[in-house]
Amino acid sequence: MDAFSLLKADHRKVAGLFERLESARGQAKLRVFEQIKMELDLHTHIEEKIFYPALEKPSETHDITLEAYEEHAVVKNLLKELSRAKTANDEWEAQAKVLKENVEHHVEEEENELFPKAEEALGEEKIEALGERMATEKERKQSRGATKGAGATKSAATSKSASKTKSASTAAKRARVSKKATGSKKRTGARKSAAKKR
């Protein structure tokens, strides 16, 4: 499968999930969102790891590729914000709509501008090879995700309390390291000024 076919298939799948999101209610809405997040995480990963790096060098695709990275950053931030919610309230709905609009704009730009320029810059053979690499990477990530899911035997409560303990000890360590660093900076600064006076 060539790169364009693979990415377009992802685009259609996400568009279908956004349609389901609009008609879903309550907790079902959050479950559909989780699917969207998973698909977009995977899609942006293969684009940023394989597809975009191949398009950064050619002058025809350089600028639009850099713009695509920026659009991904916006989408990732929205996904992060939305995934924190426990319920799909009005604010969440508004953010989900903004996410959908951003994704639709990105898809339109990719398919109508980036893909034709990429085809011109790279040629059929390279596009085919990129598609194979992306398909392989996608499978690898999906199987790794499935393994992680199956291995998650801890209860949510246990992992929450473990993470709180860990973050508290990490914060304490950071504070100690920061204190040491500040102290050593002061000593180094004092040594330097003493050396200058000599």
C-alpha atoms as a PDB file:
ATOM      1  CA  MET A   1       0.000   0.000   0.000  1.00  0.00           C
ATOM      2  CA  ASP A   2       1.404   3.400  -0.919  1.00  0.00           C
ATOM      3  CA  ALA A   3       1.744   6.179   1.673  1.00  0.00           C
ATOM      4  CA  PHE A   4      -1.201   8.200   0.348  1.00  0.00           C
ATOM      5  CA  SER A   5      -3.656   5.279   0.380  1.00  0.00           C
ATOM      6  CA  LEU A   6      -2.669   4.366   3.925  1.00  0.00           C
ATOM      7  CA  LEU A   7      -3.009   7.925   5.240  1.00  0.00           C
ATOM      8  CA  LYS A   8      -6.292   8.511   3.383  1.00  0.00           C
ATOM      9  CA  ALA A   9      -7.718   5.320   4.901  1.00  0.00           C
ATOM     10  CA  ASP A  10      -6.785   6.680   8.357  1.00  0.00           C
ATOM     11  CA  HIS A  11      -8.444  10.007   7.488  1.00  0.00           C
ATOM     12  CA  ARG A  12     -11.710   8.266   6.502  1.00  0.00           C
ATOM     13  CA  LYS A  13     -11.695   6.123   9.644  1.00  0.00           C
ATOM     14  CA  VAL A  14     -11.285   9.178  11.907  1.00  0.00           C
ATOM     15  CA  ALA A  15     -13.995  11.083   9.979  1.00  0.00           C
ATOM     16  CA  GLY A  16     -16.371   8.160  10.632  1.00  0.00           C
ATOM     17  CA  LEU A  17     -15.500   8.200  14.337  1.00  0.00           C
ATOM     18  CA  PHE A  18     -16.209  11.941  14.530  1.00  0.00           C
ATOM     19  CA  GLU A  19     -19.667  11.257  13.052  1.00  0.00           C
ATOM     20  CA  ARG A  20     -20.264   8.625  15.737  1.00  0.00           C
ATOM     21  CA  LEU A  21     -19.052  11.092  18.385  1.00  0.00           C
ATOM     22  CA  GLU A  22     -21.722  13.616  17.380  1.00  0.00           C
ATOM     23  CA  SER A  23     -24.569  11.133  17.818  1.00  0.00           C
ATOM     24  CA  ALA A  24     -23.207   9.437  20.973  1.00  0.00           C
ATOM     25  CA  ARG A  25     -24.471  10.394  24.437  1.00  0.00           C
ATOM     26  CA  GLY A  26     -22.979  10.409  27.943  1.00  0.00           C
ATOM     27  CA  GLN A  27     -20.169   7.950  28.658  1.00  0.00           C
ATOM     28  CA  ALA A  28     -20.501   6.463  25.160  1.00  0.00           C
ATOM     29  CA  LYS A  29     -19.276   9.808  23.836  1.00  0.00           C
ATOM     30  CA  LEU A  30     -16.109   9.527  25.929  1.00  0.00           C
ATOM     31  CA  ARG A  31     -15.545   5.962  24.708  1.00  0.00           C
ATOM     32  CA  VAL A  32     -15.802   7.074  21.053  1.00  0.00           C
ATOM     33  CA  PHE A  33     -13.425   9.948  21.851  1.00  0.00           C
ATOM     34  CA  GLU A  34     -10.901   7.429  23.244  1.00  0.00           C
ATOM     35  CA  GLN A  35     -11.010   5.613  19.888  1.00  0.00           C
ATOM     36  CA  ILE A  36     -10.456   8.909  18.050  1.00  0.00           C
ATOM     37  CA  LYS A  37      -7.515   9.708  20.328  1.00  0.00           C
ATOM     38  CA  MET A  38      -5.975   6.279  19.780  1.00  0.00           C
ATOM     39  CA  GLU A  39      -6.341   6.581  15.974  1.00  0.00           C
ATOM     40  CA  LEU A  40      -4.955  10.129  15.867  1.00  0.00           C
ATOM     41  CA  ASP A  41      -2.032   9.250  18.168  1.00  0.00           C
ATOM     42  CA  LEU A  42      -1.086   6.388  15.875  1.00  0.00           C
ATOM     43  CA  HIS A  43      -1.616   8.430  12.703  1.00  0.00           C
ATOM     44  CA  THR A  44       0.454  11.413  13.880  1.00  0.00           C
ATOM     45  CA  HIS A  45       3.174   9.031  15.086  1.00  0.00           C
ATOM     46  CA  ILE A  46       3.695   7.367  11.692  1.00  0.00           C
ATOM     47  CA  GLU A  47       3.513  10.694   9.872  1.00  0.00           C
ATOM     48  CA  GLU A  48       6.052  12.374  12.157  1.00  0.00           C
ATOM     49  CA  LYS A  49       8.402   9.388  12.327  1.00  0.00           C
ATOM     50  CA  ILE A  50       8.382   8.357   8.650  1.00  0.00           C
ATOM     51  CA  PHE A  51       6.322  10.490   6.246  1.00  0.00           C
ATOM     52  CA  TYR A  52       7.158  14.082   7.208  1.00  0.00           C
ATOM     53  CA  PRO A  53      10.939  13.580   7.576  1.00  0.00           C
ATOM     54  CA  ALA A  54      10.984  12.423   3.927  1.00  0.00           C
ATOM     55  CA  LEU A  55       9.195  15.644   2.915  1.00  0.00           C
ATOM     56  CA  GLU A  56      11.225  18.150   4.932  1.00  0.00           C
ATOM     57  CA  LYS A  57      14.171  18.328   2.502  1.00  0.00           C
ATOM     58  CA  PRO A  58      12.520  18.815  -0.914  1.00  0.00           C
ATOM     59  CA  SER A  59      11.837  22.527  -1.480  1.00  0.00           C
ATOM     60  CA  GLU A  60       8.349  21.789  -2.924  1.00  0.00           C
ATOM     61  CA  THR A  61       7.166  20.238   0.342  1.00  0.00           C
ATOM     62  CA  HIS A  62       9.399  21.888   2.978  1.00  0.00           C
ATOM     63  CA  ASP A  63       7.121  24.740   4.140  1.00  0.00           C
ATOM     64  CA  ILE A  64       3.872  22.807   4.091  1.00  0.00           C
ATOM     65  CA  THR A  65       5.511  19.948   6.033  1.00  0.00           C
ATOM     66  CA  LEU A  66       6.662  22.333   8.774  1.00  0.00           C
ATOM     67  CA  GLU A  67       3.104  23.703   8.918  1.00  0.00           C
ATOM     68  CA  ALA A  68       1.779  20.133   9.247  1.00  0.00           C
ATOM     69  CA  TYR A  69       4.010  19.546  12.315  1.00  0.00           C
ATOM     70  CA  GLU A  70       2.516  22.689  13.896  1.00  0.00           C
ATOM     71  CA  GLU A  71      -1.032  21.524  13.148  1.00  0.00           C
ATOM     72  CA  HIS A  72      -0.220  18.190  14.804  1.00  0.00           C
ATOM     73  CA  ALA A  73       0.939  20.054  17.923  1.00  0.00           C
ATOM     74  CA  VAL A  74      -2.423  21.866  18.140  1.00  0.00           C
ATOM     75  CA  VAL A  75      -4.336  18.575  17.736  1.00  0.00           C
ATOM     76  CA  LYS A  76      -2.194  16.842  20.382  1.00  0.00           C
ATOM     77  CA  ASN A  77      -2.870  19.628  22.889  1.00  0.00           C
ATOM     78  CA  LEU A  78      -6.616  19.403  22.275  1.00  0.00           C
ATOM     79  CA  LEU A  79      -6.513  15.607  22.676  1.00  0.00           C
ATOM     80  CA  LYS A  80      -4.663  15.995  25.979  1.00  0.00           C
ATOM     81  CA  GLU A  81      -7.212  18.536  27.251  1.00  0.00           C
ATOM     82  CA  LEU A  82     -10.216  16.454  26.187  1.00  0.00           C
ATOM     83  CA  SER A  83      -8.860  13.210  27.635  1.00  0.00           C
ATOM     84  CA  ARG A  84      -8.750  14.734  31.140  1.00  0.00           C
ATOM     85  CA  ALA A  85     -12.554  15.049  31.276  1.00  0.00           C
ATOM     86  CA  LYS A  86     -14.733  12.713  33.299  1.00  0.00           C
ATOM     87  CA  THR A  87     -17.944  13.860  31.580  1.00  0.00           C
ATOM     88  CA  ALA A  88     -18.799  15.319  28.184  1.00  0.00           C
ATOM     89  CA  ASN A  89     -20.129  18.701  29.372  1.00  0.00           C
ATOM     90  CA  ASP A  90     -20.774  21.782  27.179  1.00  0.00           C
ATOM     91  CA  GLU A  91     -17.157  22.974  27.417  1.00  0.00           C
ATOM     92  CA  TRP A  92     -15.932  19.505  26.408  1.00  0.00           C
ATOM     93  CA  GLU A  93     -18.368  19.461  23.476  1.00  0.00           C
ATOM     94  CA  ALA A  94     -17.038  22.841  22.291  1.00  0.00           C
ATOM     95  CA  GLN A  95     -13.428  21.613  22.494  1.00  0.00           C
ATOM     96  CA  ALA A  96     -14.361  18.414  20.646  1.00  0.00           C
ATOM     97  CA  LYS A  97     -15.855  20.528  17.881  1.00  0.00           C
ATOM     98  CA  VAL A  98     -12.646  22.585  17.644  1.00  0.00           C
ATOM     99  CA  LEU A  99     -10.658  19.329  17.474  1.00  0.00           C
ATOM    100  CA  LYS A 100     -12.863  18.044  14.641  1.00  0.00           C
ATOM    101  CA  GLU A 101     -12.488  21.311  12.697  1.00  0.00           C
ATOM    102  CA  ASN A 102      -8.696  21.270  13.146  1.00  0.00           C
ATOM    103  CA  VAL A 103      -8.453  17.661  11.977  1.00  0.00           C
ATOM    104  CA  GLU A 104     -10.704  18.348   8.963  1.00  0.00           C
ATOM    105  CA  HIS A 105      -8.610  21.388   7.972  1.00  0.00           C
ATOM    106  CA  HIS A 106      -5.390  19.372   8.333  1.00  0.00           C
ATOM    107  CA  VAL A 107      -6.765  16.481   6.260  1.00  0.00           C
ATOM    108  CA  GLU A 108      -7.950  18.826   3.513  1.00  0.00           C
ATOM    109  CA  GLU A 109      -4.562  20.549   3.333  1.00  0.00           C
ATOM    110  CA  GLU A 110      -2.706  17.243   3.335  1.00  0.00           C
ATOM    111  CA  GLU A 111      -4.780  15.576   0.641  1.00  0.00           C
ATOM    112  CA  ASN A 112      -5.183  18.608  -1.647  1.00  0.00           C
ATOM    113  CA  GLU A 113      -1.794  20.300  -1.256  1.00  0.00           C
ATOM    114  CA  LEU A 114       0.810  18.140   0.449  1.00  0.00           C
ATOM    115  CA  PHE A 115       0.116  14.822  -1.301  1.00  0.00           C
ATOM    116  CA  PRO A 116       0.296  16.207  -4.879  1.00  0.00           C
ATOM    117  CA  LYS A 117       3.524  18.081  -4.037  1.00  0.00           C
ATOM    118  CA  ALA A 118       4.946  14.991  -2.325  1.00  0.00           C
ATOM    119  CA  GLU A 119       4.145  12.853  -5.362  1.00  0.00           C
ATOM    120  CA  GLU A 120       6.035  15.306  -7.540  1.00  0.00           C
ATOM    121  CA  ALA A 121       9.006  15.553  -5.155  1.00  0.00           C
ATOM    122  CA  LEU A 122       9.418  11.879  -4.249  1.00  0.00           C
ATOM    123  CA  GLY A 123       8.073   9.775  -7.095  1.00  0.00           C
ATOM    124  CA  GLU A 124       5.975   6.619  -7.085  1.00  0.00           C
ATOM    125  CA  GLU A 125       8.660   4.203  -5.872  1.00  0.00           C
ATOM    126  CA  LYS A 126       9.568   6.220  -2.780  1.00  0.00           C
ATOM    127  CA  ILE A 127       5.905   6.771  -1.907  1.00  0.00           C
ATOM    128  CA  GLU A 128       5.312   3.014  -2.096  1.00  0.00           C
ATOM    129  CA  ALA A 129       8.328   2.360   0.157  1.00  0.00           C
ATOM    130  CA  LEU A 130       7.151   4.987   2.680  1.00  0.00           C
ATOM    131  CA  GLY A 131       3.703   3.359   2.738  1.00  0.00           C
ATOM    132  CA  GLU A 132       5.228  -0.040   3.548  1.00  0.00           C
ATOM    133  CA  ARG A 133       7.374   1.436   6.317  1.00  0.00           C
ATOM    134  CA  MET A 134       4.395   3.255   7.814  1.00  0.00           C
ATOM    135  CA  ALA A 135       2.200   0.130   7.685  1.00  0.00           C
ATOM    136  CA  THR A 136       4.922  -1.860   9.470  1.00  0.00           C
ATOM    137  CA  GLU A 137       5.395   0.835  12.131  1.00  0.00           C
ATOM    138  CA  LYS A 138       1.633   1.079  12.624  1.00  0.00           C
ATOM    139  CA  GLU A 139       1.365  -2.688  13.196  1.00  0.00           C
ATOM    140  CA  ARG A 140       4.315  -2.599  15.589  1.00  0.00           C
ATOM    141  CA  LYS A 141       2.752   0.208  17.655  1.00  0.00           C
ATOM    142  CA  GLN A 142      -0.679  -1.457  17.670  1.00  0.00           C
ATOM    143  CA  SER A 143       0.671  -4.804  18.817  1.00  0.00           C
ATOM    144  CA  ARG A 144       2.748  -3.087  21.508  1.00  0.00           C
ATOM    145  CA  GLY A 145      -0.372  -1.214  22.676  1.00  0.00           C
ATOM    146  CA  ALA A 146      -2.366  -4.454  22.813  1.00  0.00           C
ATOM    147  CA  THR A 147       0.374  -6.124  24.878  1.00  0.00           C
ATOM    148  CA  LYS A 148       0.420  -3.185  27.296  1.00  0.00           C
ATOM    149  CA  GLY A 149      -3.376  -3.367  27.635  1.00  0.00           C
ATOM    150  CA  ALA A 150      -3.299  -7.103  28.384  1.00  0.00           C
ATOM    151  CA  GLY A 151      -0.509  -6.659  30.927  1.00  0.00           C
ATOM    152  CA  ALA A 152      -2.347  -3.963  32.883  1.00  0.00           C
ATOM    153  CA  THR A 153      -3.477  -6.065  35.850  1.00  0.00           C
ATOM    154  CA  LYS A 154      -3.170  -3.439  38.579  1.00  0.00           C
ATOM    155  CA  SER A 155      -6.409  -1.860  39.684  1.00  0.00           C
ATOM    156  CA  ALA A 156      -6.920   1.840  38.932  1.00  0.00           C
ATOM    157  CA  ALA A 157      -6.884   2.679  42.638  1.00  0.00           C
ATOM    158  CA  THR A 158      -3.591   0.879  43.250  1.00  0.00           C
ATOM    159  CA  SER A 159      -1.887   2.486  40.289  1.00  0.00           C
ATOM    160  CA  LYS A 160      -3.271   5.919  41.272  1.00  0.00           C
ATOM    161  CA  SER A 161      -1.883   5.682  44.797  1.00  0.00           C
ATOM    162  CA  ALA A 162       1.435   4.333  43.476  1.00  0.00           C
ATOM    163  CA  SER A 163       1.650   7.215  41.028  1.00  0.00           C
ATOM    164  CA  LYS A 164       0.870   9.743  43.799  1.00  0.00           C
ATOM    165  CA  THR A 165       3.608   8.259  45.980  1.00  0.00           C
ATOM    166  CA  LYS A 166       6.015   8.235  43.054  1.00  0.00           C
ATOM    167  CA  SER A 167       5.248  11.835  42.084  1.00  0.00           C
ATOM    168  CA  ALA A 168       5.639  12.954  45.716  1.00  0.00           C
ATOM    169  CA  SER A 169       9.052  11.282  45.990  1.00  0.00           C
ATOM    170  CA  THR A 170      10.040  12.643  42.566  1.00  0.00           C
ATOM    171  CA  ALA A 171       9.065  16.153  43.700  1.00  0.00           C
ATOM    172  CA  ALA A 172      11.130  15.743  46.865  1.00  0.00           C
ATOM    173  CA  LYS A 173      14.134  14.537  44.835  1.00  0.00           C
ATOM    174  CA  ARG A 174      13.775  17.465  42.432  1.00  0.00           C
ATOM    175  CA  ALA A 175      13.658  19.896  45.331  1.00  0.00           C
ATOM    176  CA  ARG A 176      16.863  18.380  46.803  1.00  0.00           C
ATOM    177  CA  VAL A 177      18.624  18.408  43.418  1.00  0.00           C
ATOM    178  CA  SER A 178      17.470  21.989  42.775  1.00  0.00           C
ATOM    179  CA  LYS A 179      18.716  23.056  46.244  1.00  0.00           C
ATOM    180  CA  LYS A 180      22.098  21.403  45.616  1.00  0.00           C
ATOM    181  CA  ALA A 181      22.357  22.952  42.150  1.00  0.00           C
ATOM    182  CA  THR A 182      21.537  26.424  43.524  1.00  0.00           C
ATOM    183  CA  GLY A 183      24.095  25.994  46.300  1.00  0.00           C
ATOM    184  CA  SER A 184      26.784  24.810  43.885  1.00  0.00           C
ATOM    185  CA  LYS A 185      25.992  27.687  41.490  1.00  0.00           C
ATOM    186  CA  LYS A 186      26.458  30.160  44.358  1.00  0.00           C
ATOM    187  CA  ARG A 187      29.778  28.540  45.318  1.00  0.00           C
ATOM    188  CA  THR A 188      30.938  28.497  41.685  1.00  0.00           C
ATOM    189  CA  GLY A 189      29.910  32.152  41.303  1.00  0.00           C
ATOM    190  CA  ALA A 190      31.815  33.080  44.483  1.00  0.00           C
ATOM    191  CA  ARG A 191      34.914  31.188  43.246  1.00  0.00           C
ATOM    192  CA  LYS A 192      34.760  32.950  39.870  1.00  0.00           C
ATOM    193  CA  SER A 193      34.477  36.424  41.408  1.00  0.00           C
ATOM    194  CA  ALA A 194      37.324  35.630  43.823  1.00  0.00           C
ATOM    195  CA  ALA A 195      39.463  34.482  40.876  1.00  0.00           C
ATOM    196  CA  LYS A 196      38.684  37.701  38.988  1.00  0.00           C
ATOM    197  CA  LYS A 197      39.795  39.837  41.970  1.00  0.00           C
ATOM    198  CA  ARG A 198      43.157  38.040  41.973  1.00  0.00           C
END
